[in-house]
Amino acid sequence: MGDPVNLNKARKARDRAMREAEAAANRAKHGRSKAEKANDRREEERRRALLDGARKEETPG
């Protein structure tokens, strides 16, 4: 048989790992300079415009 597992410790470790992952994502999202944010915004707008430009027009009927 396997070793007994303390479920409270397992749950807390899982929650801690999830919080750390969320914190890392927030650091990447919010820990940037104004120029980096503007560059990302510009890149996203360019990508969206390219995608919308390639959209096929639908004809009713």
C-alpha atoms as a PDB file:
ATOM      1  CA  MET A   1       0.000   0.000   0.000  1.00  0.00           C
ATOM      2  CA  GLY A   2       1.016   3.574  -0.487  1.00  0.00           C
ATOM      3  CA  ASP A   3       1.947   5.968   2.229  1.00  0.00           C
ATOM      4  CA  PRO A   4      -0.900   7.905   3.873  1.00  0.00           C
ATOM      5  CA  VAL A   5      -1.332  11.444   2.557  1.00  0.00           C
ATOM      6  CA  ASN A   6      -2.363  14.377   4.696  1.00  0.00           C
ATOM      7  CA  LEU A   7      -5.174  15.849   2.580  1.00  0.00           C
ATOM      8  CA  ASN A   8      -4.946  19.269   4.241  1.00  0.00           C
ATOM      9  CA  LYS A   9      -1.277  19.567   3.295  1.00  0.00           C
ATOM     10  CA  ALA A  10      -1.973  18.365  -0.254  1.00  0.00           C
ATOM     11  CA  ARG A  11      -4.830  20.863  -0.660  1.00  0.00           C
ATOM     12  CA  LYS A  12      -2.760  23.729   0.702  1.00  0.00           C
ATOM     13  CA  ALA A  13       0.185  22.847  -1.550  1.00  0.00           C
ATOM     14  CA  ARG A  14      -2.125  22.764  -4.589  1.00  0.00           C
ATOM     15  CA  ASP A  15      -3.644  26.140  -3.655  1.00  0.00           C
ATOM     16  CA  ARG A  16      -0.204  27.631  -3.075  1.00  0.00           C
ATOM     17  CA  ALA A  17       0.959  26.482  -6.517  1.00  0.00           C
ATOM     18  CA  MET A  18      -2.138  27.998  -8.147  1.00  0.00           C
ATOM     19  CA  ARG A  19      -1.588  31.323  -6.358  1.00  0.00           C
ATOM     20  CA  GLU A  20       2.066  31.368  -7.416  1.00  0.00           C
ATOM     21  CA  ALA A  21       1.099  30.743 -11.055  1.00  0.00           C
ATOM     22  CA  GLU A  22      -1.472  33.543 -10.919  1.00  0.00           C
ATOM     23  CA  ALA A  23       1.071  35.884  -9.343  1.00  0.00           C
ATOM     24  CA  ALA A  24       3.580  35.103 -12.102  1.00  0.00           C
ATOM     25  CA  ALA A  25       0.959  35.893 -14.748  1.00  0.00           C
ATOM     26  CA  ASN A  26       0.095  39.179 -13.007  1.00  0.00           C
ATOM     27  CA  ARG A  27       3.775  40.118 -12.782  1.00  0.00           C
ATOM     28  CA  ALA A  28       4.133  39.542 -16.514  1.00  0.00           C
ATOM     29  CA  LYS A  29       0.956  41.497 -17.262  1.00  0.00           C
ATOM     30  CA  HIS A  30       1.409  44.466 -14.935  1.00  0.00           C
ATOM     31  CA  GLY A  31       5.141  44.616 -14.357  1.00  0.00           C
ATOM     32  CA  ARG A  32       5.964  46.280 -17.663  1.00  0.00           C
ATOM     33  CA  SER A  33       6.926  49.781 -18.657  1.00  0.00           C
ATOM     34  CA  LYS A  34       4.559  52.141 -20.427  1.00  0.00           C
ATOM     35  CA  ALA A  35       6.489  51.711 -23.688  1.00  0.00           C
ATOM     36  CA  GLU A  36       6.228  47.911 -23.499  1.00  0.00           C
ATOM     37  CA  LYS A  37       2.476  48.124 -22.892  1.00  0.00           C
ATOM     38  CA  ALA A  38       2.042  50.531 -25.815  1.00  0.00           C
ATOM     39  CA  ASN A  39       4.101  48.274 -28.068  1.00  0.00           C
ATOM     40  CA  ASP A  40       1.983  45.249 -27.138  1.00  0.00           C
ATOM     41  CA  ARG A  41      -1.209  47.240 -27.690  1.00  0.00           C
ATOM     42  CA  ARG A  42       0.013  48.363 -31.124  1.00  0.00           C
ATOM     43  CA  GLU A  43       0.985  44.812 -32.046  1.00  0.00           C
ATOM     44  CA  GLU A  44      -2.431  43.502 -30.971  1.00  0.00           C
ATOM     45  CA  GLU A  45      -4.225  46.193 -33.035  1.00  0.00           C
ATOM     46  CA  ARG A  46      -2.063  45.365 -36.063  1.00  0.00           C
ATOM     47  CA  ARG A  47      -2.821  41.660 -35.693  1.00  0.00           C
ATOM     48  CA  ARG A  48      -6.547  42.326 -35.331  1.00  0.00           C
ATOM     49  CA  ALA A  49      -6.579  44.646 -38.383  1.00  0.00           C
ATOM     50  CA  LEU A  50      -4.785  42.013 -40.461  1.00  0.00           C
ATOM     51  CA  LEU A  51      -7.272  39.379 -39.373  1.00  0.00           C
ATOM     52  CA  ASP A  52     -10.277  41.644 -40.081  1.00  0.00           C
ATOM     53  CA  GLY A  53      -8.812  42.577 -43.472  1.00  0.00           C
ATOM     54  CA  ALA A  54      -8.680  38.920 -44.462  1.00  0.00           C
ATOM     55  CA  ARG A  55     -12.275  38.334 -43.429  1.00  0.00           C
ATOM     56  CA  LYS A  56     -14.516  37.123 -46.216  1.00  0.00           C
ATOM     57  CA  GLU A  57     -17.619  39.204 -46.914  1.00  0.00           C
ATOM     58  CA  GLU A  58     -20.842  37.304 -46.495  1.00  0.00           C
ATOM     59  CA  THR A  59     -23.578  37.819 -49.086  1.00  0.00           C
ATOM     60  CA  PRO A  60     -27.210  37.461 -47.996  1.00  0.00           C
ATOM     61  CA  GLY A  61     -29.131  34.812 -49.774  1.00  0.00           C
END
